[in-house]
Amino acid sequence: MHEAMVCRYFKVAHRDMVFLKFILEAYEGMNVMSTVDNKVGIIRIAIMPGFVDDMDGLLAELGKQVNMESVEWHDDICSF
């Protein structure tokens, strides 16, 4: 059985979305960031299997630089 992706959802300021996207894209193959509600500023970070601990550490560090409020969100992306 395949390990499933893990999704983390955050509310962030629009001005910080580009910064986060730029940083997270540097970790190619570990995650995919996308906007799920542009009006409210909700992003989804889909973490690939095997990288959850690494990405959680990175997100904690990014949270020291950018206000990232963890939120509950339900969609089908991480329900494979």
Protein backbone atom coordinates (compact mmCIF):
# COMPACT_ATOMS: atom_id res chain seq x y z
CA MET A 1 0.00 0.00 0.00
CA HIS A 2 1.26 3.46 -0.87
CA GLU A 3 1.80 6.08 1.78
CA ALA A 4 -0.57 9.01 1.34
CA MET A 5 0.32 12.66 0.96
CA VAL A 6 -0.21 14.82 4.02
CA CYS A 7 -1.76 18.24 3.60
CA ARG A 8 -1.25 21.23 5.84
CA TYR A 9 -3.47 24.31 5.47
CA PHE A 10 -2.55 27.83 6.50
CA LYS A 11 -4.07 31.26 6.37
CA VAL A 12 -1.42 33.73 5.19
CA ALA A 13 -1.31 37.32 4.03
CA HIS A 14 -1.45 37.68 0.26
CA ARG A 15 1.91 39.47 0.29
CA ASP A 16 3.51 36.36 1.83
CA MET A 17 2.13 33.82 -0.66
CA VAL A 18 4.75 34.54 -3.30
CA PHE A 19 7.58 34.37 -0.75
CA LEU A 20 6.34 31.02 0.57
CA LYS A 21 5.86 29.63 -2.94
CA PHE A 22 9.41 30.66 -3.87
CA ILE A 23 10.94 29.03 -0.77
CA LEU A 24 8.86 25.86 -0.98
CA GLU A 25 9.61 25.38 -4.68
CA ALA A 26 13.29 25.14 -3.74
CA TYR A 27 12.36 21.89 -1.98
CA GLU A 28 11.31 20.28 -5.26
CA GLY A 29 9.84 16.82 -4.94
CA MET A 30 9.04 17.26 -1.25
CA ASN A 31 5.87 19.34 -1.47
CA VAL A 32 3.42 21.20 -3.64
CA MET A 33 1.96 24.51 -2.50
CA SER A 34 -1.28 25.78 -3.96
CA THR A 35 -3.88 28.39 -3.12
CA VAL A 36 -7.26 26.95 -2.16
CA ASP A 37 -9.04 30.22 -1.29
CA ASN A 38 -7.40 33.33 -2.67
CA LYS A 39 -10.00 35.68 -1.18
CA VAL A 40 -9.33 34.52 2.39
CA GLY A 41 -5.65 33.65 1.86
CA ILE A 42 -5.75 29.91 2.45
CA ILE A 43 -2.90 27.81 1.07
CA ARG A 44 -2.46 24.06 0.96
CA ILE A 45 0.93 22.45 1.28
CA ALA A 46 0.75 18.85 0.08
CA ILE A 47 3.70 16.96 1.52
CA MET A 48 5.00 13.91 -0.28
CA PRO A 49 5.35 10.64 1.63
CA GLY A 50 8.62 10.36 3.51
CA PHE A 51 9.10 14.12 3.90
CA VAL A 52 6.52 14.99 6.56
CA ASP A 53 9.01 15.47 9.40
CA ASP A 54 11.39 17.52 7.24
CA MET A 55 8.60 19.73 5.93
CA ASP A 56 7.07 20.21 9.38
CA GLY A 57 10.48 21.45 10.57
CA LEU A 58 10.76 23.79 7.59
CA LEU A 59 7.22 25.10 8.11
CA ALA A 60 7.98 25.76 11.78
CA GLU A 61 11.04 27.81 10.75
CA LEU A 62 9.08 29.69 8.08
CA GLY A 63 6.43 30.43 10.68
CA LYS A 64 9.05 32.47 12.55
CA GLN A 65 9.37 34.78 9.52
CA VAL A 66 5.84 34.75 8.14
CA ASN A 67 2.52 34.72 9.98
CA MET A 68 1.10 31.32 9.04
CA GLU A 69 -2.09 30.47 10.92
CA SER A 70 -2.82 26.75 10.75
CA VAL A 71 -6.45 26.16 9.69
CA GLU A 72 -8.77 23.22 9.15
CA TRP A 73 -9.77 22.70 5.52
CA HIS A 74 -11.31 19.73 3.78
CA ASP A 75 -10.81 18.86 0.14
CA ASP A 76 -10.19 15.76 -1.93
CA ILE A 77 -6.54 16.43 -2.85
CA CYS A 78 -5.06 14.50 0.08
CA SER A 79 -7.72 11.80 0.10
CA PHE A 80 -6.15 9.49 -2.50
